Amino acid sequence: MDDVLVSRNGPDVYFDYKTPTTIDTNAVAINNSIRNILLTRIGSVPGKPEFGSNIMDLVFELMDGRFTKDLLTSSIIAAIIKWEPRITIQNIVIKEIPEYNRVIADITYIYTRMSQNVSTKVTIPLKD
């Protein structure tokens, strides 16, 4: 049998050992890093008093249109530039969903994998 089914408390994944495949662990690690950076308040990590962002302080301010979205975008850029050197930010879109009291950041970025630039996107719920 050439195909192998692997399932560990998640979706079933089939591996065909005749076809080389890779799971892009770099993107997963970078997405987790971005999430940790943005959702960690500055001063809350012992031993790393500057780690994190001030996003949570801004999110709970009244979303008064372009001004607050621009502040959020600037804060996201500053935190990611400081703490995630593996990426280059391409675009950030802040979405407010008032009927669910949510704010979401869609971040599109580029990173290098096997000497090639790869563009990907991560969505971070800033306010649930």
N, C-alpha and C. Protein backbone atom coordinates (compact mmCIF):
# COMPACT_ATOMS: atom_id res chain seq x y z
N MET A 1 0.84 -1.19 0.00
CA MET A 1 0.00 0.00 0.00
C MET A 1 0.88 1.24 0.00
N ASP A 2 0.65 2.12 -0.97
CA ASP A 2 1.49 3.29 -1.12
C ASP A 2 1.00 4.49 -0.33
N ASP A 3 -0.29 4.60 -0.12
CA ASP A 3 -0.86 5.74 0.60
C ASP A 3 -1.02 5.39 2.07
N VAL A 4 -0.78 6.37 2.93
CA VAL A 4 -0.90 6.17 4.36
C VAL A 4 -1.83 7.24 4.91
N LEU A 5 -2.79 6.83 5.74
CA LEU A 5 -3.71 7.76 6.38
C LEU A 5 -3.19 8.09 7.77
N VAL A 6 -3.09 9.36 8.04
CA VAL A 6 -2.65 9.80 9.36
C VAL A 6 -3.73 10.71 9.92
N SER A 7 -4.22 10.41 11.11
CA SER A 7 -5.21 11.26 11.75
C SER A 7 -4.91 11.30 13.24
N ARG A 8 -4.64 12.51 13.74
CA ARG A 8 -4.38 12.68 15.17
C ARG A 8 -5.25 13.82 15.68
N ASN A 9 -6.46 13.48 16.05
CA ASN A 9 -7.40 14.47 16.59
C ASN A 9 -7.58 15.68 15.67
N GLY A 10 -7.58 15.45 14.41
CA GLY A 10 -7.77 16.54 13.45
C GLY A 10 -8.25 15.97 12.14
N PRO A 11 -8.18 16.78 11.10
CA PRO A 11 -8.62 16.28 9.81
C PRO A 11 -7.69 15.17 9.32
N ASP A 12 -8.25 14.23 8.57
CA ASP A 12 -7.44 13.14 8.03
C ASP A 12 -6.47 13.70 6.99
N VAL A 13 -5.23 13.25 7.06
CA VAL A 13 -4.20 13.68 6.12
C VAL A 13 -3.66 12.43 5.43
N TYR A 14 -3.66 12.44 4.11
CA TYR A 14 -3.13 11.32 3.34
C TYR A 14 -1.76 11.69 2.80
N PHE A 15 -0.82 10.78 2.96
CA PHE A 15 0.51 10.96 2.42
C PHE A 15 0.73 9.95 1.31
N ASP A 16 1.11 10.43 0.16
CA ASP A 16 1.48 9.58 -0.96
C ASP A 16 3.00 9.62 -1.02
N TYR A 17 3.64 8.52 -0.64
CA TYR A 17 5.09 8.53 -0.53
C TYR A 17 5.80 8.55 -1.88
N LYS A 18 5.05 8.42 -2.97
CA LYS A 18 5.65 8.53 -4.31
C LYS A 18 5.80 9.99 -4.73
N THR A 19 4.96 10.86 -4.16
CA THR A 19 4.97 12.28 -4.50
C THR A 19 5.54 13.06 -3.32
N PRO A 20 6.63 13.78 -3.53
CA PRO A 20 7.19 14.55 -2.41
C PRO A 20 6.24 15.67 -2.01
N THR A 21 5.89 15.71 -0.76
CA THR A 21 5.04 16.77 -0.22
C THR A 21 5.65 17.28 1.07
N THR A 22 5.37 18.53 1.37
CA THR A 22 5.82 19.10 2.62
C THR A 22 4.70 19.91 3.23
N ILE A 23 4.63 19.90 4.51
CA ILE A 23 3.71 20.77 5.23
C ILE A 23 4.51 22.01 5.59
N ASP A 24 4.00 23.16 5.26
CA ASP A 24 4.73 24.40 5.47
C ASP A 24 4.67 24.79 6.94
N THR A 25 5.60 24.26 7.70
CA THR A 25 5.62 24.56 9.14
C THR A 25 6.08 25.98 9.40
N ASN A 26 6.82 26.57 8.45
CA ASN A 26 7.25 27.96 8.63
C ASN A 26 6.05 28.89 8.73
N ALA A 27 5.09 28.74 7.83
CA ALA A 27 3.90 29.60 7.85
C ALA A 27 3.11 29.40 9.14
N VAL A 28 2.97 28.18 9.58
CA VAL A 28 2.25 27.90 10.83
C VAL A 28 2.96 28.57 12.01
N ALA A 29 4.28 28.42 12.06
CA ALA A 29 5.05 29.02 13.15
C ALA A 29 4.99 30.55 13.11
N ILE A 30 5.06 31.12 11.92
CA ILE A 30 4.99 32.57 11.79
C ILE A 30 3.60 33.07 12.19
N ASN A 31 2.55 32.39 11.75
CA ASN A 31 1.18 32.78 12.13
C ASN A 31 1.01 32.74 13.65
N ASN A 32 1.53 31.69 14.28
CA ASN A 32 1.45 31.61 15.75
C ASN A 32 2.23 32.73 16.40
N SER A 33 3.39 33.04 15.85
CA SER A 33 4.21 34.12 16.39
C SER A 33 3.49 35.46 16.29
N ILE A 34 2.91 35.74 15.12
CA ILE A 34 2.17 36.99 14.94
C ILE A 34 1.01 37.07 15.93
N ARG A 35 0.28 35.99 16.07
CA ARG A 35 -0.84 35.94 17.02
C ARG A 35 -0.35 36.23 18.44
N ASN A 36 0.75 35.59 18.84
CA ASN A 36 1.29 35.80 20.19
C ASN A 36 1.75 37.24 20.40
N ILE A 37 2.41 37.78 19.40
CA ILE A 37 2.89 39.17 19.51
C ILE A 37 1.72 40.13 19.69
N LEU A 38 0.71 39.99 18.84
CA LEU A 38 -0.38 40.97 18.85
C LEU A 38 -1.31 40.82 20.05
N LEU A 39 -1.49 39.61 20.55
CA LEU A 39 -2.44 39.39 21.65
C LEU A 39 -1.79 39.43 23.02
N THR A 40 -0.48 39.69 23.08
CA THR A 40 0.22 39.81 24.36
C THR A 40 0.40 41.28 24.69
N ARG A 41 -0.06 41.66 25.86
CA ARG A 41 0.10 43.06 26.30
C ARG A 41 1.56 43.31 26.68
N ILE A 42 2.06 44.47 26.28
CA ILE A 42 3.42 44.86 26.65
C ILE A 42 3.52 44.87 28.18
N GLY A 43 4.59 44.24 28.69
CA GLY A 43 4.81 44.20 30.14
C GLY A 43 4.23 42.98 30.82
N SER A 44 3.54 42.12 30.08
CA SER A 44 2.90 40.97 30.73
C SER A 44 3.74 39.69 30.72
N VAL A 45 4.88 39.69 30.04
CA VAL A 45 5.73 38.50 29.98
C VAL A 45 6.95 38.70 30.88
N PRO A 46 7.07 37.91 31.95
CA PRO A 46 8.22 38.04 32.83
C PRO A 46 9.52 37.80 32.06
N GLY A 47 10.49 38.66 32.27
CA GLY A 47 11.77 38.52 31.59
C GLY A 47 11.82 39.18 30.22
N LYS A 48 10.66 39.53 29.68
CA LYS A 48 10.59 40.24 28.39
C LYS A 48 9.60 41.38 28.53
N PRO A 49 9.96 42.41 29.28
CA PRO A 49 9.00 43.48 29.57
C PRO A 49 8.54 44.28 28.35
N GLU A 50 9.29 44.24 27.24
CA GLU A 50 8.91 45.00 26.06
C GLU A 50 8.17 44.16 25.03
N PHE A 51 8.08 42.84 25.25
CA PHE A 51 7.45 41.95 24.27
C PHE A 51 5.95 42.20 24.19
N GLY A 52 5.42 42.16 22.98
CA GLY A 52 3.98 42.27 22.79
C GLY A 52 3.60 43.52 22.03
N SER A 53 2.35 43.92 22.22
CA SER A 53 1.84 45.11 21.53
C SER A 53 0.81 45.81 22.41
N ASN A 54 0.42 47.00 22.00
CA ASN A 54 -0.62 47.74 22.73
C ASN A 54 -1.97 47.62 22.03
N ILE A 55 -2.12 46.61 21.20
CA ILE A 55 -3.35 46.41 20.42
C ILE A 55 -4.58 46.31 21.32
N MET A 56 -4.46 45.56 22.39
CA MET A 56 -5.63 45.34 23.26
C MET A 56 -6.12 46.66 23.88
N ASP A 57 -5.21 47.58 24.14
CA ASP A 57 -5.62 48.89 24.67
C ASP A 57 -6.43 49.66 23.63
N LEU A 58 -6.02 49.56 22.37
CA LEU A 58 -6.70 50.29 21.30
C LEU A 58 -8.03 49.66 20.90
N VAL A 59 -8.08 48.35 20.93
CA VAL A 59 -9.28 47.64 20.46
C VAL A 59 -10.50 47.99 21.31
N PHE A 60 -10.28 48.21 22.59
CA PHE A 60 -11.41 48.49 23.46
C PHE A 60 -11.78 49.97 23.50
N GLU A 61 -11.07 50.78 22.71
CA GLU A 61 -11.49 52.16 22.51
C GLU A 61 -12.67 52.14 21.53
N LEU A 62 -13.42 53.21 21.53
CA LEU A 62 -14.52 53.32 20.60
C LEU A 62 -13.98 53.34 19.18
N MET A 63 -14.47 52.43 18.33
CA MET A 63 -14.04 52.40 16.93
C MET A 63 -14.70 53.56 16.22
N ASP A 64 -13.96 54.65 16.09
CA ASP A 64 -14.54 55.86 15.49
C ASP A 64 -14.06 56.04 14.04
N GLY A 65 -14.10 54.96 13.30
CA GLY A 65 -13.78 55.04 11.88
C GLY A 65 -12.31 54.94 11.57
N ARG A 66 -11.88 55.75 10.63
CA ARG A 66 -10.54 55.66 10.06
C ARG A 66 -9.44 55.89 11.10
N PHE A 67 -9.66 56.81 12.05
CA PHE A 67 -8.62 57.16 13.02
C PHE A 67 -8.18 55.94 13.83
N THR A 68 -9.12 55.22 14.42
CA THR A 68 -8.78 54.07 15.24
C THR A 68 -8.20 52.95 14.39
N LYS A 69 -8.73 52.73 13.19
CA LYS A 69 -8.19 51.70 12.31
C LYS A 69 -6.75 52.03 11.92
N ASP A 70 -6.46 53.30 11.68
CA ASP A 70 -5.09 53.70 11.36
C ASP A 70 -4.15 53.47 12.55
N LEU A 71 -4.63 53.78 13.76
CA LEU A 71 -3.82 53.53 14.96
C LEU A 71 -3.56 52.03 15.14
N LEU A 72 -4.59 51.21 14.95
CA LEU A 72 -4.42 49.76 15.05
C LEU A 72 -3.41 49.26 14.02
N THR A 73 -3.56 49.72 12.80
CA THR A 73 -2.64 49.30 11.73
C THR A 73 -1.20 49.69 12.06
N SER A 74 -1.01 50.91 12.51
CA SER A 74 0.34 51.38 12.88
C SER A 74 0.93 50.56 14.02
N SER A 75 0.10 50.24 15.00
CA SER A 75 0.56 49.45 16.15
C SER A 75 0.91 48.02 15.74
N ILE A 76 0.12 47.46 14.85
CA ILE A 76 0.39 46.10 14.34
C ILE A 76 1.71 46.09 13.59
N ILE A 77 1.91 47.07 12.72
CA ILE A 77 3.15 47.14 11.94
C ILE A 77 4.36 47.28 12.87
N ALA A 78 4.27 48.18 13.84
CA ALA A 78 5.40 48.41 14.75
C ALA A 78 5.74 47.14 15.54
N ALA A 79 4.73 46.45 16.05
CA ALA A 79 4.98 45.24 16.85
C ALA A 79 5.57 44.12 16.00
N ILE A 80 5.04 43.93 14.80
CA ILE A 80 5.54 42.86 13.94
C ILE A 80 6.96 43.15 13.47
N ILE A 81 7.23 44.40 13.11
CA ILE A 81 8.59 44.75 12.68
C ILE A 81 9.59 44.51 13.82
N LYS A 82 9.18 44.82 15.02
CA LYS A 82 10.09 44.66 16.17
C LYS A 82 10.33 43.20 16.53
N TRP A 83 9.28 42.35 16.46
CA TRP A 83 9.38 41.00 17.02
C TRP A 83 9.34 39.86 16.00
N GLU A 84 9.05 40.12 14.75
CA GLU A 84 8.98 39.03 13.77
C GLU A 84 9.80 39.39 12.52
N PRO A 85 11.13 39.17 12.59
CA PRO A 85 12.01 39.58 11.49
C PRO A 85 11.92 38.69 10.25
N ARG A 86 11.22 37.57 10.33
CA ARG A 86 11.16 36.64 9.19
C ARG A 86 10.22 37.10 8.08
N ILE A 87 9.44 38.14 8.32
CA ILE A 87 8.41 38.51 7.35
C ILE A 87 8.52 39.96 6.91
N THR A 88 7.88 40.23 5.77
CA THR A 88 7.67 41.58 5.28
C THR A 88 6.17 41.75 5.10
N ILE A 89 5.60 42.74 5.74
CA ILE A 89 4.15 42.96 5.67
C ILE A 89 3.80 43.55 4.31
N GLN A 90 2.79 42.97 3.67
CA GLN A 90 2.28 43.50 2.40
C GLN A 90 1.05 44.37 2.61
N ASN A 91 0.13 43.90 3.47
CA ASN A 91 -1.13 44.62 3.63
C ASN A 91 -1.76 44.24 4.98
N ILE A 92 -2.46 45.19 5.56
CA ILE A 92 -3.24 44.95 6.77
C ILE A 92 -4.62 45.56 6.57
N VAL A 93 -5.64 44.76 6.81
CA VAL A 93 -7.02 45.24 6.72
C VAL A 93 -7.68 45.00 8.08
N ILE A 94 -8.17 46.07 8.68
CA ILE A 94 -8.89 45.98 9.95
C ILE A 94 -10.38 45.95 9.63
N LYS A 95 -11.06 44.92 10.11
CA LYS A 95 -12.50 44.79 9.87
C LYS A 95 -13.23 44.86 11.20
N GLU A 96 -14.23 45.71 11.24
CA GLU A 96 -15.09 45.80 12.42
C GLU A 96 -16.41 45.14 12.09
N ILE A 97 -16.85 44.26 12.99
CA ILE A 97 -18.14 43.59 12.83
C ILE A 97 -18.98 43.97 14.05
N PRO A 98 -19.66 45.13 13.98
CA PRO A 98 -20.33 45.67 15.17
C PRO A 98 -21.46 44.79 15.70
N GLU A 99 -22.16 44.10 14.81
CA GLU A 99 -23.27 43.27 15.30
C GLU A 99 -22.80 42.11 16.16
N TYR A 100 -21.53 41.75 16.03
CA TYR A 100 -20.97 40.69 16.89
C TYR A 100 -19.91 41.23 17.85
N ASN A 101 -19.74 42.55 17.87
CA ASN A 101 -18.77 43.20 18.74
C ASN A 101 -17.36 42.62 18.52
N ARG A 102 -16.99 42.48 17.25
CA ARG A 102 -15.70 41.88 16.91
C ARG A 102 -14.86 42.84 16.07
N VAL A 103 -13.55 42.71 16.22
CA VAL A 103 -12.59 43.40 15.38
C VAL A 103 -11.59 42.35 14.92
N ILE A 104 -11.32 42.33 13.61
CA ILE A 104 -10.45 41.32 13.02
C ILE A 104 -9.37 42.02 12.20
N ALA A 105 -8.15 41.50 12.26
CA ALA A 105 -7.07 42.01 11.43
C ALA A 105 -6.67 40.93 10.43
N ASP A 106 -6.75 41.25 9.15
CA ASP A 106 -6.24 40.37 8.09
C ASP A 106 -4.87 40.90 7.71
N ILE A 107 -3.84 40.09 7.92
CA ILE A 107 -2.47 40.51 7.66
C ILE A 107 -1.89 39.64 6.55
N THR A 108 -1.52 40.28 5.46
CA THR A 108 -0.88 39.59 4.35
C THR A 108 0.61 39.90 4.43
N TYR A 109 1.43 38.86 4.33
CA TYR A 109 2.87 39.05 4.46
C TYR A 109 3.64 38.11 3.53
N ILE A 110 4.93 38.40 3.38
CA ILE A 110 5.83 37.59 2.58
C ILE A 110 6.92 37.04 3.50
N TYR A 111 7.27 35.78 3.31
CA TYR A 111 8.42 35.20 3.98
C TYR A 111 9.18 34.34 2.97
N THR A 112 10.40 33.97 3.31
CA THR A 112 11.22 33.20 2.39
C THR A 112 11.21 31.73 2.80
N ARG A 113 10.91 30.87 1.81
CA ARG A 113 10.94 29.42 2.03
C ARG A 113 11.72 28.80 0.89
N MET A 114 12.78 28.10 1.23
CA MET A 114 13.61 27.42 0.24
C MET A 114 14.02 28.38 -0.89
N SER A 115 14.52 29.53 -0.51
CA SER A 115 15.02 30.57 -1.42
C SER A 115 13.95 31.19 -2.31
N GLN A 116 12.69 31.02 -1.96
CA GLN A 116 11.61 31.64 -2.72
C GLN A 116 10.72 32.44 -1.78
N ASN A 117 10.25 33.58 -2.26
CA ASN A 117 9.33 34.38 -1.47
C ASN A 117 7.93 33.79 -1.58
N VAL A 118 7.29 33.64 -0.43
CA VAL A 118 5.95 33.09 -0.36
C VAL A 118 5.05 34.12 0.29
N SER A 119 3.91 34.39 -0.33
CA SER A 119 2.95 35.32 0.24
C SER A 119 1.84 34.52 0.91
N THR A 120 1.48 34.91 2.10
CA THR A 120 0.40 34.24 2.81
C THR A 120 -0.35 35.25 3.67
N LYS A 121 -1.45 34.81 4.26
CA LYS A 121 -2.30 35.70 5.04
C LYS A 121 -2.70 35.02 6.34
N VAL A 122 -2.78 35.80 7.38
CA VAL A 122 -3.27 35.31 8.67
C VAL A 122 -4.37 36.26 9.13
N THR A 123 -5.41 35.70 9.72
CA THR A 123 -6.51 36.48 10.28
C THR A 123 -6.45 36.36 11.80
N ILE A 124 -6.37 37.48 12.46
CA ILE A 124 -6.27 37.52 13.92
C ILE A 124 -7.50 38.21 14.49
N PRO A 125 -8.29 37.49 15.30
CA PRO A 125 -9.40 38.17 15.98
C PRO A 125 -8.83 39.02 17.13
N LEU A 126 -9.00 40.32 17.03
CA LEU A 126 -8.47 41.22 18.04
C LEU A 126 -9.47 41.46 19.16
N LYS A 127 -10.73 41.29 18.85
CA LYS A 127 -11.76 41.49 19.85
C LYS A 127 -12.88 40.51 19.54
N ASP A 128 -13.11 39.59 20.46
CA ASP A 128 -14.19 38.59 20.29
C ASP A 128 -15.36 38.91 21.18
